[in-house]
Amino acid sequence: MKPTVDILDSLLREADPLAAHEGVTRATLIERGLHCAVADSKSAAPFKLRRASVEGKGLQPELRNASWDQLLDLIYEGRG
């Protein structure tokens, strides 16, 4: 396949000497980069939120119907 892509001139100016130094073509260098990007995305484990609940029965009865603003006021009370 021969896709057409736009690549920053500054990046190509850095990549061309690297390709020459390694004795490969610009296309080979780009292909290596794509292989690395795909491999990184496959090897990264998906984020999983750990269970961090605490024992209890939810909010205290007097706060069960509190608004978010009221809860924030209580959280930051005395902290400036």
Protein backbone atom coordinates (compact mmCIF):
# COMPACT_ATOMS: atom_id res chain seq x y z
CA MET A 1 0.00 0.00 0.00
CA LYS A 2 1.25 3.49 -0.76
CA PRO A 3 -0.57 5.95 1.49
CA THR A 4 0.07 9.66 1.31
CA VAL A 5 0.67 11.34 4.65
CA ASP A 6 1.72 14.81 5.78
CA ILE A 7 4.79 14.84 8.01
CA LEU A 8 6.33 17.92 9.55
CA ASP A 9 9.36 19.14 7.64
CA SER A 10 11.28 19.53 10.89
CA LEU A 11 10.63 15.87 11.75
CA LEU A 12 11.79 14.72 8.33
CA ARG A 13 14.95 16.82 8.68
CA GLU A 14 15.72 14.89 11.86
CA ALA A 15 14.65 11.51 10.48
CA ASP A 16 16.58 11.57 7.21
CA PRO A 17 20.06 11.60 8.80
CA LEU A 18 18.95 8.83 11.16
CA ALA A 19 17.77 6.70 8.24
CA ALA A 20 21.05 7.35 6.40
CA HIS A 21 23.07 6.48 9.51
CA GLU A 22 21.17 3.20 9.91
CA GLY A 23 21.37 2.48 6.19
CA VAL A 24 17.62 2.28 5.70
CA THR A 25 15.12 4.23 3.66
CA ARG A 26 12.83 6.92 5.02
CA ALA A 27 9.90 4.54 4.39
CA THR A 28 11.55 1.83 6.48
CA LEU A 29 12.10 4.26 9.32
CA ILE A 30 8.43 5.35 9.18
CA GLU A 31 7.33 1.71 9.09
CA ARG A 32 9.42 0.98 12.20
CA GLY A 33 7.75 3.86 13.98
CA LEU A 34 4.31 2.55 13.10
CA HIS A 35 5.28 -0.93 14.32
CA CYS A 36 6.39 0.58 17.65
CA ALA A 37 3.19 2.59 18.01
CA VAL A 38 0.99 -0.44 17.31
CA ALA A 39 3.01 -2.68 19.65
CA ASP A 40 2.82 -0.09 22.45
CA SER A 41 -0.94 0.18 22.14
CA LYS A 42 -1.35 -3.60 22.29
CA SER A 43 0.94 -4.10 25.26
CA ALA A 44 -0.59 -1.35 27.39
CA ALA A 45 -3.03 -2.86 29.85
CA PRO A 46 -6.40 -1.13 29.93
CA PHE A 47 -6.96 1.09 32.94
CA LYS A 48 -8.89 -0.64 35.70
CA LEU A 49 -10.14 1.34 38.65
CA ARG A 50 -9.35 -0.51 41.83
CA ARG A 51 -12.07 -1.08 44.36
CA ALA A 52 -11.53 1.53 47.05
CA SER A 53 -14.78 1.54 48.95
CA VAL A 54 -14.79 1.64 52.72
CA GLU A 55 -17.02 -0.11 55.17
CA GLY A 56 -20.17 1.80 55.93
CA LYS A 57 -23.66 2.50 54.79
CA GLY A 58 -23.16 5.42 52.45
CA LEU A 59 -23.59 9.05 53.36
CA GLN A 60 -24.52 10.11 56.84
CA PRO A 61 -28.29 10.56 57.12
CA GLU A 62 -28.05 14.37 57.38
CA LEU A 63 -26.09 14.51 54.10
CA ARG A 64 -28.14 12.12 51.98
CA ASN A 65 -30.12 14.94 50.33
CA ALA A 66 -27.29 17.48 50.30
CA SER A 67 -26.38 19.19 47.04
CA TRP A 68 -22.94 18.82 45.49
CA ASP A 69 -22.15 22.42 46.48
CA GLN A 70 -23.03 21.67 50.11
CA LEU A 71 -20.81 18.59 50.07
CA LEU A 72 -17.91 20.57 48.59
CA ASP A 73 -18.34 23.26 51.27
CA LEU A 74 -18.10 20.57 53.96
CA ILE A 75 -15.09 18.90 52.33
CA TYR A 76 -13.11 22.14 52.12
CA GLU A 77 -14.37 23.69 55.35
CA GLY A 78 -11.51 25.38 57.20
CA ARG A 79 -9.04 24.90 54.35
CA GLY A 80 -9.03 28.44 52.98
